[in-house]
Protein backbone atom coordinates (compact mmCIF):
# COMPACT_ATOMS: atom_id res chain seq x y z
CA MET A 1 -93.61 -208.02 55.45
CA ALA A 2 -92.24 -208.96 51.95
CA GLU A 3 -93.92 -211.81 50.10
CA ASN A 4 -92.08 -215.07 50.05
CA PRO A 5 -90.45 -215.34 46.59
CA CYS A 6 -90.57 -219.16 46.86
CA PHE A 7 -94.32 -219.03 46.28
CA THR A 8 -93.84 -217.71 42.73
CA ALA A 9 -94.62 -220.04 39.91
CA HIS A 10 -91.09 -220.37 38.68
CA CYS A 11 -89.27 -220.66 41.98
CA PRO A 12 -86.80 -223.64 41.61
CA ASN A 13 -87.43 -224.63 45.35
CA ARG A 14 -91.08 -224.82 44.65
CA LEU A 15 -90.49 -227.14 41.69
CA LEU A 16 -88.16 -229.36 43.64
CA PHE A 17 -90.59 -229.46 46.48
CA ALA A 18 -93.38 -230.59 44.16
CA GLU A 19 -91.07 -233.28 42.83
CA ILE A 20 -90.25 -234.74 46.18
CA ALA A 21 -93.40 -234.13 48.39
CA ASP A 22 -95.69 -236.85 47.15
CA LYS A 23 -96.82 -240.09 48.65
CA TRP A 24 -95.01 -242.35 46.24
CA THR A 25 -91.66 -240.64 46.73
CA MET A 26 -91.93 -240.93 50.56
CA MET A 27 -92.78 -244.61 50.23
CA ILE A 28 -90.11 -245.43 47.67
CA LEU A 29 -87.39 -243.76 49.71
CA THR A 30 -88.52 -245.68 52.85
CA VAL A 31 -88.51 -249.01 50.84
CA LEU A 32 -84.90 -248.19 49.65
CA GLU A 33 -83.67 -247.13 53.11
CA ARG A 34 -81.81 -250.29 54.08
CA HIS A 35 -80.56 -251.53 50.76
CA PRO A 36 -80.97 -251.44 46.98
CA ARG A 37 -84.03 -253.06 45.48
CA ARG A 38 -85.04 -254.23 42.02
CA PHE A 39 -87.95 -252.57 40.30
CA ASN A 40 -90.35 -255.45 40.75
CA ASP A 41 -89.44 -255.74 44.43
CA ILE A 42 -90.40 -252.11 45.00
CA LYS A 43 -93.59 -252.58 43.11
CA ARG A 44 -94.48 -255.55 45.27
CA LEU A 45 -93.87 -253.63 48.44
CA LEU A 46 -95.88 -250.61 47.39
CA GLU A 47 -99.51 -251.86 47.23
CA GLY A 48 -101.52 -249.85 44.81
CA ILE A 49 -98.77 -248.15 42.71
CA SER A 50 -99.06 -248.77 39.02
CA GLN A 51 -96.09 -249.64 36.85
CA LYS A 52 -96.37 -246.30 35.16
CA SER A 53 -96.40 -244.26 38.41
CA LEU A 54 -93.55 -246.18 39.71
CA THR A 55 -91.42 -245.70 36.60
CA GLN A 56 -92.26 -241.96 36.51
CA THR A 57 -91.39 -241.44 40.19
CA LEU A 58 -88.11 -243.40 39.97
CA ARG A 59 -87.08 -241.44 36.84
CA ARG A 60 -87.85 -238.18 38.70
CA LEU A 61 -85.85 -239.31 41.62
CA GLU A 62 -82.90 -240.32 39.54
CA ARG A 63 -82.95 -236.97 37.65
CA ASN A 64 -82.84 -235.17 40.96
CA GLY A 65 -79.92 -237.17 42.25
CA ILE A 66 -82.00 -238.97 44.92
CA VAL A 67 -81.59 -242.53 43.64
CA THR A 68 -79.17 -244.26 41.24
CA ARG A 69 -80.35 -246.80 38.71
CA GLU A 70 -78.15 -249.79 37.82
CA VAL A 71 -78.90 -252.26 35.01
CA ILE A 72 -77.90 -255.77 36.25
CA SER A 73 -76.74 -258.18 33.55
CA SER A 74 -78.67 -261.17 34.45
CA SER A 75 -81.30 -263.30 32.63
CA PRO A 76 -83.65 -261.68 32.38
CA VAL A 77 -81.99 -258.19 32.67
CA ALA A 78 -83.00 -256.44 35.91
CA VAL A 79 -82.81 -252.86 37.16
CA GLN A 80 -81.82 -251.96 40.71
CA TYR A 81 -82.36 -248.73 42.53
CA GLU A 82 -80.43 -247.32 45.46
CA LEU A 83 -80.55 -244.20 47.58
CA THR A 84 -77.81 -241.69 47.04
CA ASP A 85 -76.49 -239.47 49.94
CA ILE A 86 -79.02 -236.86 48.91
CA GLY A 87 -81.73 -239.48 49.18
CA GLN A 88 -80.49 -240.66 52.49
CA SER A 89 -80.62 -237.01 53.74
CA LEU A 90 -84.40 -236.99 52.91
CA LEU A 91 -85.17 -239.90 55.24
CA GLN A 92 -85.06 -237.96 58.51
CA PRO A 93 -87.53 -235.22 57.46
CA TYR A 94 -89.85 -237.88 55.93
CA LYS A 95 -89.75 -239.95 59.15
CA ALA A 96 -90.55 -236.80 61.21
CA LEU A 97 -93.55 -236.13 58.91
CA TYR A 98 -94.69 -239.78 59.24
CA CYS A 99 -94.42 -239.66 63.02
CA TRP A 100 -96.52 -236.45 62.90
CA THR A 101 -99.23 -238.34 61.01
CA VAL A 102 -99.28 -241.19 63.50
CA GLU A 103 -99.43 -238.74 66.45
CA LYS A 104 -101.99 -236.39 64.98
CA LEU A 105 -104.27 -238.78 63.11
CA PRO A 106 -106.79 -239.04 65.95
CA ASP A 107 -106.97 -235.15 66.08
CA VAL A 108 -107.37 -235.01 62.30
CA ASN A 109 -110.01 -237.69 62.28
CA LYS A 110 -111.92 -235.70 64.98
CA ALA A 111 -111.69 -232.55 62.90
CA ARG A 112 -112.83 -234.35 59.83
CA LYS A 113 -115.82 -235.80 61.66
CA ALA A 114 -116.88 -232.45 62.99
CA PHE A 115 -116.36 -230.90 59.55
CA ASP A 116 -118.54 -233.58 57.83
CA GLN A 117 -121.28 -233.17 60.43
CA ARG A 118 -121.55 -229.52 59.68
CA GLN A 119 -121.95 -230.03 55.95
CA PRO A 120 -125.55 -230.10 54.51
CA ALA A 121 -126.70 -233.41 53.32
């Protein structure tokens, strides 16, 4: 069997996967699912995300065409983010993965406990 070329260091699919398969991306897309949101609204809804991580993730998502960024002329100036069609298309696989975590968490916890009990103290 030939090796999978997408496991090479410079595979473009591998790079894209790395940019979309992280916890903050999944959460941001879920928060934006129903309607556009302002930066601070997203930050409030995602407990534990730093301003730096949110900014970096949103920039990466915008660069990849997954979200759009709109500057709103208000006082003070605000920035709003919205899912693109590409972003919307990621929701179904993300939801499937989330459902898997809900369904399999008891089995994973059981495996973790068994593993931890086998480890020397």
